[in-house]
């Protein structure tokens, strides 16, 4: 009888053994984890932002978007558009008239003359990226006709011819990315490394 009474007194309310107290994180432990995550973010995020490949890719995507915009605008408005690159001054501009005097189109976001500067004078996101070389059949001006077909434009002779080779090479540190403009279609490709042909510096 005494053994049965002892067994009853040691059982829990559901008839099982005594429950261990529930464990939880203390406030100190949570604060330590938050501090560690904050320190890790402060170290890792700037390192990611300074990577050359991310910066170069960002600049390349921006240029490609602007080229597509110029091409689509030439199709929509059924008239020629030009994209004039200046590798020395790290800039390019989109025009709806190039002769006798340049007429810039308005940037769709900034509502100002469509002139984009990168490199040292550019925006913070791509300030370390530079235009290494540009060549559209050795010319620095790319034109699109009413069908979006790419042409190379000779600023000296004011002559245009269907483009056969088009490359825009960007440099960020030791990394080089090349935007390839396909002939006839004007399709754009992004490849790593310098162009296979030698464009105009």
N, C-alpha and C. Protein backbone atom coordinates (compact mmCIF):
# COMPACT_ATOMS: atom_id res chain seq x y z
N UNK A 1 0.81 -1.20 0.00
CA UNK A 1 0.00 0.00 0.00
C UNK A 1 0.85 1.25 0.00
N UNK A 2 1.91 1.24 0.85
CA UNK A 2 2.79 2.40 0.88
C UNK A 2 3.52 2.58 -0.44
N UNK A 3 3.87 1.49 -1.12
CA UNK A 3 4.54 1.60 -2.43
C UNK A 3 3.61 2.25 -3.45
N UNK A 4 2.32 1.87 -3.41
CA UNK A 4 1.35 2.45 -4.35
C UNK A 4 1.19 3.93 -4.07
N UNK A 5 1.16 4.33 -2.78
CA UNK A 5 1.02 5.74 -2.43
C UNK A 5 2.22 6.54 -2.91
N UNK A 6 3.42 5.97 -2.78
CA UNK A 6 4.63 6.66 -3.25
C UNK A 6 4.61 6.86 -4.75
N UNK A 7 4.11 5.83 -5.47
CA UNK A 7 4.06 5.95 -6.93
C UNK A 7 3.08 7.05 -7.34
N UNK A 8 1.97 7.19 -6.61
CA UNK A 8 0.98 8.21 -6.95
C UNK A 8 1.51 9.60 -6.70
N UNK A 9 2.28 9.78 -5.67
CA UNK A 9 2.77 11.11 -5.33
C UNK A 9 3.87 11.58 -6.28
N UNK A 10 4.54 10.66 -6.94
CA UNK A 10 5.63 11.06 -7.84
C UNK A 10 5.16 11.25 -9.27
N UNK A 11 3.91 10.96 -9.57
CA UNK A 11 3.41 11.13 -10.93
C UNK A 11 2.97 12.57 -11.14
N UNK A 12 3.04 13.03 -12.39
CA UNK A 12 2.58 14.36 -12.75
C UNK A 12 1.09 14.38 -12.86
N UNK A 13 0.53 15.50 -13.27
CA UNK A 13 -0.92 15.64 -13.36
C UNK A 13 -1.52 14.75 -14.42
N UNK A 14 -0.77 14.37 -15.47
CA UNK A 14 -1.31 13.49 -16.51
C UNK A 14 -0.90 12.05 -16.26
N UNK A 15 -0.35 11.79 -15.17
CA UNK A 15 0.05 10.43 -14.85
C UNK A 15 1.46 10.10 -15.30
N UNK A 16 2.16 11.06 -15.94
CA UNK A 16 3.53 10.82 -16.39
C UNK A 16 4.53 11.27 -15.35
N UNK A 17 5.81 11.25 -15.71
CA UNK A 17 6.83 11.71 -14.81
C UNK A 17 6.84 13.22 -14.69
N UNK A 18 7.60 13.75 -13.76
CA UNK A 18 7.69 15.19 -13.56
C UNK A 18 8.32 15.86 -14.78
N UNK A 19 7.76 17.01 -15.25
CA UNK A 19 8.25 17.71 -16.44
C UNK A 19 9.41 18.61 -16.08
N UNK A 20 10.41 18.64 -17.02
CA UNK A 20 11.53 19.56 -16.83
C UNK A 20 11.07 20.96 -17.22
N UNK A 21 11.60 21.98 -16.58
CA UNK A 21 11.21 23.36 -16.92
C UNK A 21 11.58 23.68 -18.37
N UNK A 22 10.69 24.43 -19.11
CA UNK A 22 10.94 24.80 -20.52
C UNK A 22 12.12 25.76 -20.60
N UNK A 23 12.98 25.54 -21.62
CA UNK A 23 14.16 26.38 -21.81
C UNK A 23 13.87 27.43 -22.88
N UNK A 24 14.40 28.62 -22.72
CA UNK A 24 14.22 29.71 -23.69
C UNK A 24 15.48 30.56 -23.72
N UNK A 25 15.60 31.37 -24.80
CA UNK A 25 16.74 32.27 -24.89
C UNK A 25 16.55 33.43 -23.93
N UNK A 26 17.62 33.81 -23.31
CA UNK A 26 17.54 34.99 -22.44
C UNK A 26 17.71 36.24 -23.30
N UNK A 27 17.35 37.36 -22.73
CA UNK A 27 17.48 38.63 -23.43
C UNK A 27 18.95 38.91 -23.78
N UNK A 28 19.85 38.54 -22.91
CA UNK A 28 21.27 38.76 -23.16
C UNK A 28 21.73 37.96 -24.38
N UNK A 29 21.28 36.71 -24.47
CA UNK A 29 21.68 35.87 -25.60
C UNK A 29 21.15 36.44 -26.92
N UNK A 30 19.91 36.93 -26.91
CA UNK A 30 19.34 37.52 -28.13
C UNK A 30 20.11 38.77 -28.53
N UNK A 31 20.45 39.60 -27.56
CA UNK A 31 21.20 40.82 -27.86
C UNK A 31 22.58 40.50 -28.42
N UNK A 32 23.21 39.45 -27.89
CA UNK A 32 24.53 39.06 -28.40
C UNK A 32 24.42 38.64 -29.87
N UNK A 33 23.38 37.86 -30.21
CA UNK A 33 23.20 37.42 -31.60
C UNK A 33 22.98 38.61 -32.52
N UNK A 34 22.13 39.56 -32.06
CA UNK A 34 21.86 40.75 -32.87
C UNK A 34 23.13 41.56 -33.11
N UNK A 35 23.95 41.70 -32.08
CA UNK A 35 25.21 42.45 -32.21
C UNK A 35 26.14 41.75 -33.20
N UNK A 36 26.22 40.42 -33.11
CA UNK A 36 27.09 39.67 -34.03
C UNK A 36 26.62 39.84 -35.47
N UNK A 37 25.30 39.75 -35.70
CA UNK A 37 24.76 39.93 -37.05
C UNK A 37 25.03 41.34 -37.57
N UNK A 38 24.93 42.32 -36.68
CA UNK A 38 25.21 43.70 -37.09
C UNK A 38 26.65 43.89 -37.50
N UNK A 39 27.57 43.29 -36.73
CA UNK A 39 28.99 43.39 -37.07
C UNK A 39 29.28 42.68 -38.39
N UNK A 40 28.67 41.52 -38.58
CA UNK A 40 28.88 40.77 -39.83
C UNK A 40 28.36 41.57 -41.03
N UNK A 41 27.19 42.20 -40.88
CA UNK A 41 26.64 42.99 -41.98
C UNK A 41 27.53 44.19 -42.29
N UNK A 42 28.07 44.82 -41.24
CA UNK A 42 28.93 45.98 -41.46
C UNK A 42 30.21 45.61 -42.19
N UNK A 43 30.65 44.37 -42.04
CA UNK A 43 31.89 43.93 -42.71
C UNK A 43 31.61 43.40 -44.10
N UNK A 44 30.54 42.60 -44.24
CA UNK A 44 30.28 41.89 -45.49
C UNK A 44 29.69 42.81 -46.56
N UNK A 45 28.73 43.66 -46.20
CA UNK A 45 28.04 44.48 -47.20
C UNK A 45 28.99 45.43 -47.94
N UNK A 46 29.89 46.17 -47.26
CA UNK A 46 30.83 46.99 -48.03
C UNK A 46 31.74 46.15 -48.92
N UNK A 47 32.09 44.96 -48.50
CA UNK A 47 32.94 44.11 -49.32
C UNK A 47 32.22 43.70 -50.60
N UNK A 48 30.91 43.40 -50.47
CA UNK A 48 30.14 43.04 -51.66
C UNK A 48 30.02 44.24 -52.58
N UNK A 49 29.77 45.42 -52.01
CA UNK A 49 29.60 46.61 -52.83
C UNK A 49 30.85 47.04 -53.55
N UNK A 50 32.02 46.61 -53.09
CA UNK A 50 33.27 47.02 -53.72
C UNK A 50 33.77 46.02 -54.73
N UNK A 51 33.05 44.94 -54.96
CA UNK A 51 33.50 43.93 -55.90
C UNK A 51 33.43 44.46 -57.31
N UNK A 52 34.50 44.26 -58.06
CA UNK A 52 34.61 44.81 -59.41
C UNK A 52 33.57 44.22 -60.34
N UNK A 53 33.28 42.93 -60.19
CA UNK A 53 32.35 42.31 -61.14
C UNK A 53 30.95 42.86 -60.99
N UNK A 54 30.53 43.16 -59.75
CA UNK A 54 29.20 43.72 -59.55
C UNK A 54 29.11 45.13 -60.12
N UNK A 55 30.13 45.92 -59.92
CA UNK A 55 30.13 47.29 -60.44
C UNK A 55 30.14 47.30 -61.96
N UNK A 56 31.02 46.49 -62.55
CA UNK A 56 31.10 46.45 -64.01
C UNK A 56 29.81 45.93 -64.62
N UNK A 57 29.21 44.92 -64.00
CA UNK A 57 27.95 44.38 -64.51
C UNK A 57 26.85 45.42 -64.42
N UNK A 58 26.82 46.17 -63.33
CA UNK A 58 25.81 47.21 -63.16
C UNK A 58 25.94 48.26 -64.26
N UNK A 59 27.16 48.69 -64.54
CA UNK A 59 27.38 49.69 -65.59
C UNK A 59 27.01 49.13 -66.96
N UNK A 60 27.37 47.88 -67.21
CA UNK A 60 27.06 47.26 -68.50
C UNK A 60 25.56 47.16 -68.71
N UNK A 61 24.83 46.76 -67.67
CA UNK A 61 23.38 46.65 -67.79
C UNK A 61 22.74 48.01 -68.05
N UNK A 62 23.28 49.05 -67.45
CA UNK A 62 22.74 50.39 -67.67
C UNK A 62 22.95 50.82 -69.12
N UNK A 63 24.16 50.59 -69.64
CA UNK A 63 24.44 50.96 -71.03
C UNK A 63 23.57 50.15 -71.98
N UNK A 64 23.43 48.86 -71.70
CA UNK A 64 22.60 48.02 -72.57
C UNK A 64 21.14 48.50 -72.56
N UNK A 65 20.65 48.90 -71.40
CA UNK A 65 19.27 49.40 -71.32
C UNK A 65 19.12 50.68 -72.15
N UNK A 66 20.13 51.53 -72.11
CA UNK A 66 20.06 52.78 -72.88
C UNK A 66 20.14 52.51 -74.39
N UNK A 67 20.94 51.53 -74.78
CA UNK A 67 21.01 51.17 -76.20
C UNK A 67 19.67 50.61 -76.68
N UNK A 68 19.07 49.77 -75.86
CA UNK A 68 17.76 49.21 -76.22
C UNK A 68 16.71 50.32 -76.31
N UNK A 69 16.80 51.29 -75.40
CA UNK A 69 15.86 52.40 -75.43
C UNK A 69 16.01 53.20 -76.73
N UNK A 70 17.25 53.48 -77.11
CA UNK A 70 17.50 54.23 -78.35
C UNK A 70 17.00 53.45 -79.56
N UNK A 71 17.23 52.14 -79.57
CA UNK A 71 16.78 51.31 -80.68
C UNK A 71 15.25 51.29 -80.76
N UNK A 72 14.59 51.08 -79.63
CA UNK A 72 13.14 51.04 -79.61
C UNK A 72 12.53 52.39 -79.99
N UNK A 73 13.19 53.47 -79.57
CA UNK A 73 12.67 54.80 -79.90
C UNK A 73 12.78 55.08 -81.40
N UNK A 74 13.86 54.59 -82.01
CA UNK A 74 14.00 54.78 -83.45
C UNK A 74 12.93 54.01 -84.21
N UNK A 75 12.54 52.86 -83.69
CA UNK A 75 11.46 52.08 -84.33
C UNK A 75 10.12 52.76 -84.11
N UNK A 76 9.87 53.21 -82.88
CA UNK A 76 8.58 53.81 -82.55
C UNK A 76 8.35 55.11 -83.30
N UNK A 77 9.40 55.91 -83.44
CA UNK A 77 9.27 57.20 -84.10
C UNK A 77 9.63 57.15 -85.58
N UNK A 78 10.08 55.99 -86.03
CA UNK A 78 10.43 55.79 -87.44
C UNK A 78 11.42 56.84 -87.95
N UNK A 79 12.50 57.00 -87.16
CA UNK A 79 13.58 57.88 -87.60
C UNK A 79 14.89 57.46 -86.93
N UNK A 80 15.97 57.90 -87.50
CA UNK A 80 17.29 57.51 -87.02
C UNK A 80 17.56 58.07 -85.62
N UNK A 81 18.29 57.28 -84.83
CA UNK A 81 18.82 57.72 -83.55
C UNK A 81 20.29 57.33 -83.48
N UNK A 82 21.05 58.14 -82.77
CA UNK A 82 22.49 57.90 -82.67
C UNK A 82 22.89 57.80 -81.19
N UNK A 83 23.86 56.94 -80.93
CA UNK A 83 24.47 56.84 -79.60
C UNK A 83 25.96 57.11 -79.80
N UNK A 84 26.42 58.23 -79.30
CA UNK A 84 27.80 58.67 -79.51
C UNK A 84 28.60 58.45 -78.22
N UNK A 85 29.66 57.67 -78.33
CA UNK A 85 30.50 57.35 -77.19
C UNK A 85 31.76 58.20 -77.19
N UNK A 86 32.21 58.54 -76.00
CA UNK A 86 33.46 59.27 -75.80
C UNK A 86 34.23 58.56 -74.69
N UNK A 87 35.12 57.65 -75.10
CA UNK A 87 35.87 56.86 -74.11
C UNK A 87 36.83 57.73 -73.31
N UNK A 88 37.33 58.79 -73.91
CA UNK A 88 38.28 59.66 -73.21
C UNK A 88 37.61 60.37 -72.05
N UNK A 89 36.41 60.88 -72.28
CA UNK A 89 35.69 61.62 -71.24
C UNK A 89 34.70 60.73 -70.48
N UNK A 90 34.74 59.42 -70.71
CA UNK A 90 33.92 58.46 -69.97
C UNK A 90 32.43 58.80 -70.07
N UNK A 91 31.94 58.97 -71.28
CA UNK A 91 30.55 59.37 -71.42
C UNK A 91 29.97 58.85 -72.73
N UNK A 92 28.65 58.90 -72.81
CA UNK A 92 27.95 58.64 -74.06
C UNK A 92 26.66 59.44 -74.06
N UNK A 93 26.13 59.68 -75.25
CA UNK A 93 24.94 60.50 -75.39
C UNK A 93 24.05 59.93 -76.48
N UNK A 94 22.75 60.13 -76.30
CA UNK A 94 21.77 59.63 -77.26
C UNK A 94 21.14 60.83 -77.97
N UNK A 95 21.16 60.79 -79.30
CA UNK A 95 20.70 61.92 -80.09
C UNK A 95 19.67 61.48 -81.13
N UNK A 96 18.77 62.42 -81.47
CA UNK A 96 17.85 62.16 -82.57
C UNK A 96 18.27 62.91 -83.82
N UNK A 97 19.31 63.71 -83.70
CA UNK A 97 19.92 64.38 -84.85
C UNK A 97 21.38 64.61 -84.53
N UNK A 98 22.23 64.32 -85.49
CA UNK A 98 23.67 64.45 -85.24
C UNK A 98 24.31 65.49 -86.15
N UNK A 99 23.66 65.82 -87.24
CA UNK A 99 24.17 66.83 -88.16
C UNK A 99 23.00 67.63 -88.73
N UNK A 100 23.19 68.93 -88.92
CA UNK A 100 24.41 69.75 -88.81
C UNK A 100 24.82 70.04 -87.38
N UNK A 101 23.89 69.90 -86.44
CA UNK A 101 24.21 70.07 -85.03
C UNK A 101 23.50 69.01 -84.21
N UNK A 102 24.09 68.60 -83.08
CA UNK A 102 23.47 67.53 -82.29
C UNK A 102 22.18 67.98 -81.62
N UNK A 103 21.18 67.09 -81.65
CA UNK A 103 19.93 67.32 -80.92
C UNK A 103 19.73 66.13 -80.01
N UNK A 104 19.80 66.39 -78.70
CA UNK A 104 19.69 65.32 -77.71
C UNK A 104 18.23 64.97 -77.47
N UNK A 105 17.97 63.70 -77.23
CA UNK A 105 16.66 63.33 -76.72
C UNK A 105 16.68 63.53 -75.21
N UNK A 106 15.50 63.58 -74.61
CA UNK A 106 15.42 63.76 -73.17
C UNK A 106 15.50 62.40 -72.48
N UNK A 107 16.24 62.37 -71.40
CA UNK A 107 16.33 61.14 -70.63
C UNK A 107 14.95 60.82 -70.06
N UNK A 108 14.48 59.56 -70.20
CA UNK A 108 13.12 59.24 -69.77
C UNK A 108 12.89 59.37 -68.27
N UNK A 109 13.93 59.32 -67.47
CA UNK A 109 13.80 59.43 -66.01
C UNK A 109 14.17 60.81 -65.52
N UNK A 110 15.31 61.32 -65.97
CA UNK A 110 15.81 62.60 -65.47
C UNK A 110 15.23 63.80 -66.21
N UNK A 111 14.62 63.57 -67.38
CA UNK A 111 14.01 64.64 -68.18
C UNK A 111 15.02 65.72 -68.56
N UNK A 112 16.27 65.33 -68.73
CA UNK A 112 17.32 66.24 -69.18
C UNK A 112 17.96 65.66 -70.43
N UNK A 113 18.86 66.41 -71.05
CA UNK A 113 19.56 65.90 -72.23
C UNK A 113 20.19 64.56 -71.90
N UNK A 114 20.01 63.62 -72.82
CA UNK A 114 20.44 62.24 -72.57
C UNK A 114 21.97 62.14 -72.70
N UNK A 115 22.65 62.54 -71.65
CA UNK A 115 24.11 62.46 -71.58
C UNK A 115 24.45 61.70 -70.31
N UNK A 116 25.16 60.60 -70.46
CA UNK A 116 25.49 59.75 -69.31
C UNK A 116 26.99 59.75 -69.11
N UNK A 117 27.41 60.07 -67.90
CA UNK A 117 28.83 60.05 -67.56
C UNK A 117 29.08 58.96 -66.54
N UNK A 118 30.10 58.16 -66.78
CA UNK A 118 30.47 57.15 -65.81
C UNK A 118 31.94 57.39 -65.43
N UNK A 119 32.53 56.43 -64.73
CA UNK A 119 33.92 56.62 -64.31
C UNK A 119 34.01 57.59 -63.16
N UNK A 120 35.08 58.37 -63.12
CA UNK A 120 35.33 59.28 -62.01
C UNK A 120 34.30 60.37 -61.85
N UNK A 121 33.61 60.74 -62.95
CA UNK A 121 32.61 61.80 -62.88
C UNK A 121 31.20 61.25 -62.84
N UNK A 122 31.08 59.95 -62.74
CA UNK A 122 29.76 59.33 -62.80
C UNK A 122 29.11 59.21 -61.44
N UNK A 123 28.02 58.47 -61.40
CA UNK A 123 27.31 58.26 -60.15
C UNK A 123 28.11 57.34 -59.24
N UNK A 124 27.73 57.32 -57.99
CA UNK A 124 28.49 56.56 -56.99
C UNK A 124 28.53 55.07 -57.30
N UNK A 125 27.43 54.55 -57.85
CA UNK A 125 27.34 53.10 -58.05
C UNK A 125 28.35 52.59 -59.06
N UNK A 126 28.75 53.43 -60.02
CA UNK A 126 29.65 52.95 -61.08
C UNK A 126 30.87 53.85 -61.24
N UNK A 127 31.26 54.54 -60.20
CA UNK A 127 32.34 55.50 -60.33
C UNK A 127 33.69 54.84 -60.60
N UNK A 128 33.85 53.56 -60.27
CA UNK A 128 35.12 52.87 -60.51
C UNK A 128 35.17 52.17 -61.86
N UNK A 129 34.10 52.30 -62.65
CA UNK A 129 34.04 51.65 -63.95
C UNK A 129 34.42 52.67 -65.02
N UNK A 130 35.20 52.25 -66.00
CA UNK A 130 35.59 53.14 -67.09
C UNK A 130 35.31 52.46 -68.42
N UNK A 131 35.11 53.29 -69.44
CA UNK A 131 34.96 52.79 -70.80
C UNK A 131 36.37 52.56 -71.35
N UNK A 132 36.72 51.32 -71.55
CA UNK A 132 38.07 51.00 -72.00
C UNK A 132 38.22 51.27 -73.49
N UNK A 133 37.39 50.62 -74.30
CA UNK A 133 37.44 50.83 -75.75
C UNK A 133 36.03 50.75 -76.31
N UNK A 134 35.82 51.42 -77.44
CA UNK A 134 34.55 51.39 -78.14
C UNK A 134 34.84 51.24 -79.62
N UNK A 135 34.09 50.39 -80.30
CA UNK A 135 34.29 50.24 -81.73
C UNK A 135 33.07 49.68 -82.42
N UNK A 136 32.53 50.47 -83.35
CA UNK A 136 31.47 50.00 -84.24
C UNK A 136 32.05 50.08 -85.65
N UNK A 137 32.66 49.00 -86.07
CA UNK A 137 33.46 49.02 -87.30
C UNK A 137 34.51 50.12 -87.21
N UNK A 138 35.17 50.19 -86.07
CA UNK A 138 36.23 51.15 -85.71
C UNK A 138 35.71 52.57 -85.50
N UNK A 139 34.39 52.79 -85.57
CA UNK A 139 33.82 54.12 -85.31
C UNK A 139 33.30 54.15 -83.87
N UNK A 140 33.04 55.36 -83.38
CA UNK A 140 32.58 55.51 -82.00
C UNK A 140 31.12 55.93 -81.91
N UNK A 141 30.43 55.97 -83.04
CA UNK A 141 29.02 56.35 -83.05
C UNK A 141 28.21 55.19 -83.61
N UNK A 142 27.19 54.79 -82.84
CA UNK A 142 26.29 53.73 -83.25
C UNK A 142 24.95 54.36 -83.60
N UNK A 143 24.38 53.96 -84.74
CA UNK A 143 23.10 54.50 -85.18
C UNK A 143 22.11 53.35 -85.36
N UNK A 144 20.83 53.68 -85.16
CA UNK A 144 19.75 52.73 -85.40
C UNK A 144 18.78 53.33 -86.40
N UNK A 145 18.37 52.54 -87.40
CA UNK A 145 17.41 53.04 -88.37
C UNK A 145 15.98 52.73 -87.94
N UNK A 146 15.03 52.95 -88.83
CA UNK A 146 13.62 52.79 -88.50
C UNK A 146 13.24 51.36 -88.16
N UNK A 147 14.06 50.41 -88.55
CA UNK A 147 13.81 49.00 -88.24
C UNK A 147 14.64 48.52 -87.05
N UNK A 148 15.42 49.42 -86.47
CA UNK A 148 16.28 49.04 -85.35
C UNK A 148 17.58 48.40 -85.77
N UNK A 149 17.89 48.48 -87.06
CA UNK A 149 19.14 47.90 -87.57
C UNK A 149 20.31 48.79 -87.18
N UNK A 150 21.40 48.23 -86.66
CA UNK A 150 22.53 49.06 -86.24
C UNK A 150 23.42 49.46 -87.42
N UNK A 151 23.89 50.70 -87.37
CA UNK A 151 24.82 51.24 -88.36
C UNK A 151 26.01 51.85 -87.63
N UNK A 152 27.13 51.84 -88.30
CA UNK A 152 28.28 52.59 -87.80
C UNK A 152 28.30 53.94 -88.53
N UNK A 153 28.61 54.99 -87.78
CA UNK A 153 28.56 56.34 -88.33
C UNK A 153 29.94 56.96 -88.23
N UNK A 154 30.42 57.49 -89.35
CA UNK A 154 31.71 58.17 -89.41
C UNK A 154 31.47 59.66 -89.24
N UNK A 155 31.87 60.19 -88.10
CA UNK A 155 31.63 61.61 -87.83
C UNK A 155 32.41 62.51 -88.77
N UNK A 156 33.54 62.03 -89.27
CA UNK A 156 34.35 62.85 -90.16
C UNK A 156 33.74 63.00 -91.54
N UNK A 157 33.27 61.92 -92.12
CA UNK A 157 32.69 61.94 -93.47
C UNK A 157 31.17 61.98 -93.45
N UNK A 158 30.58 61.84 -92.27
CA UNK A 158 29.13 61.80 -92.10
C UNK A 158 28.49 60.67 -92.91
N UNK A 159 29.25 59.59 -93.06
CA UNK A 159 28.77 58.43 -93.81
C UNK A 159 28.35 57.33 -92.85
N UNK A 160 27.28 56.62 -93.22
CA UNK A 160 26.79 55.50 -92.44
C UNK A 160 26.87 54.24 -93.26
N UNK A 161 27.14 53.12 -92.57
CA UNK A 161 27.14 51.82 -93.24
C UNK A 161 26.64 50.78 -92.25
N UNK A 162 25.97 49.74 -92.74
CA UNK A 162 25.49 48.70 -91.83
C UNK A 162 26.63 48.14 -90.98
N UNK A 163 26.43 48.12 -89.69
CA UNK A 163 27.49 47.68 -88.78
C UNK A 163 27.73 46.18 -88.92
N UNK A 164 28.99 45.81 -88.92
CA UNK A 164 29.34 44.39 -88.96
C UNK A 164 29.94 43.91 -87.65
N UNK A 165 30.60 44.81 -86.92
CA UNK A 165 31.20 44.45 -85.63
C UNK A 165 31.02 45.60 -84.65
N UNK A 166 30.45 45.30 -83.49
CA UNK A 166 30.26 46.33 -82.49
C UNK A 166 30.60 45.84 -81.10
N UNK A 167 31.49 46.58 -80.41
CA UNK A 167 31.92 46.20 -79.07
C UNK A 167 32.07 47.43 -78.19
N UNK A 168 31.65 47.30 -76.95
CA UNK A 168 31.89 48.32 -75.93
C UNK A 168 32.53 47.60 -74.75
N UNK A 169 33.79 47.89 -74.49
CA UNK A 169 34.53 47.21 -73.43
C UNK A 169 34.62 48.10 -72.20
N UNK A 170 34.19 47.56 -71.07
CA UNK A 170 34.24 48.27 -69.80
C UNK A 170 35.33 47.66 -68.92
N UNK A 171 35.90 48.50 -68.08
CA UNK A 171 36.97 48.04 -67.20
C UNK A 171 36.70 48.51 -65.79
N UNK A 172 36.88 47.59 -64.83
CA UNK A 172 36.79 47.92 -63.42
C UNK A 172 37.87 47.13 -62.70
N UNK A 173 38.91 47.81 -62.29
CA UNK A 173 40.06 47.10 -61.73
C UNK A 173 40.71 46.24 -62.79
N UNK A 174 40.89 44.96 -62.48
CA UNK A 174 41.47 44.03 -63.44
C UNK A 174 40.40 43.34 -64.29
N UNK A 175 39.15 43.63 -64.02
CA UNK A 175 38.06 42.96 -64.73
C UNK A 175 37.66 43.73 -65.97
N UNK A 176 37.38 42.99 -67.04
CA UNK A 176 36.86 43.59 -68.27
C UNK A 176 35.60 42.86 -68.70
N UNK A 177 34.58 43.64 -69.06
CA UNK A 177 33.35 43.11 -69.62
C UNK A 177 33.12 43.78 -70.97
N UNK A 178 32.60 43.01 -71.92
CA UNK A 178 32.36 43.54 -73.26
C UNK A 178 30.89 43.39 -73.63
N UNK A 179 30.29 44.50 -74.04
CA UNK A 179 28.95 44.48 -74.61
C UNK A 179 29.11 44.28 -76.12
N UNK A 180 28.54 43.22 -76.62
CA UNK A 180 28.63 42.91 -78.05
C UNK A 180 27.31 43.30 -78.71
N UNK A 181 27.40 44.12 -79.76
CA UNK A 181 26.23 44.51 -80.54
C UNK A 181 26.23 43.66 -81.80
N UNK A 182 25.19 42.85 -81.95
CA UNK A 182 25.11 41.96 -83.11
C UNK A 182 24.69 42.74 -84.35
N UNK A 183 25.29 42.42 -85.51
CA UNK A 183 24.86 43.08 -86.75
C UNK A 183 23.44 42.69 -87.13
N UNK A 184 22.82 43.51 -87.95
CA UNK A 184 21.48 43.30 -88.49
C UNK A 184 20.38 43.43 -87.43
N UNK A 185 20.46 42.64 -86.37
CA UNK A 185 19.39 42.66 -85.38
C UNK A 185 19.63 43.69 -84.28
N UNK A 186 20.87 44.01 -84.00
CA UNK A 186 21.19 44.91 -82.90
C UNK A 186 21.07 44.25 -81.54
N UNK A 187 20.94 42.92 -81.52
CA UNK A 187 20.85 42.20 -80.25
C UNK A 187 22.12 42.42 -79.44
N UNK A 188 21.97 42.50 -78.12
CA UNK A 188 23.09 42.77 -77.23
C UNK A 188 23.46 41.53 -76.43
N UNK A 189 24.75 41.32 -76.30
CA UNK A 189 25.27 40.23 -75.46
C UNK A 189 26.34 40.78 -74.55
N UNK A 190 26.43 40.21 -73.36
CA UNK A 190 27.45 40.62 -72.40
C UNK A 190 28.39 39.45 -72.17
N UNK A 191 29.67 39.66 -72.44
CA UNK A 191 30.66 38.60 -72.25
C UNK A 191 31.78 39.12 -71.37
N UNK A 192 32.46 38.19 -70.72
CA UNK A 192 33.57 38.57 -69.87
C UNK A 192 34.85 38.58 -70.68
N UNK A 193 35.67 39.58 -70.45
CA UNK A 193 36.93 39.70 -71.17
C UNK A 193 36.89 40.81 -72.20
N UNK A 194 38.03 41.03 -72.81
CA UNK A 194 38.16 42.05 -73.84
C UNK A 194 37.56 41.56 -75.15
N UNK A 195 37.18 42.47 -76.06
CA UNK A 195 36.62 42.03 -77.33
C UNK A 195 37.64 41.28 -78.17
N UNK A 196 37.16 40.41 -79.03
CA UNK A 196 38.05 39.64 -79.88
C UNK A 196 38.66 40.50 -80.98
N UNK A 197 37.92 41.55 -81.40
CA UNK A 197 38.46 42.47 -82.38
C UNK A 197 39.05 43.67 -81.66
N UNK A 198 39.79 44.49 -82.35
CA UNK A 198 40.44 45.64 -81.74
C UNK A 198 39.65 46.90 -82.08
N UNK A 199 38.83 47.39 -81.14
CA UNK A 199 38.05 48.60 -81.41
C UNK A 199 38.89 49.85 -81.24
N UNK A 200 38.27 50.97 -81.53
CA UNK A 200 38.95 52.25 -81.39
C UNK A 200 39.03 52.63 -79.91
N UNK A 201 40.20 53.04 -79.41
CA UNK A 201 40.29 53.43 -78.01
C UNK A 201 39.55 54.74 -77.75
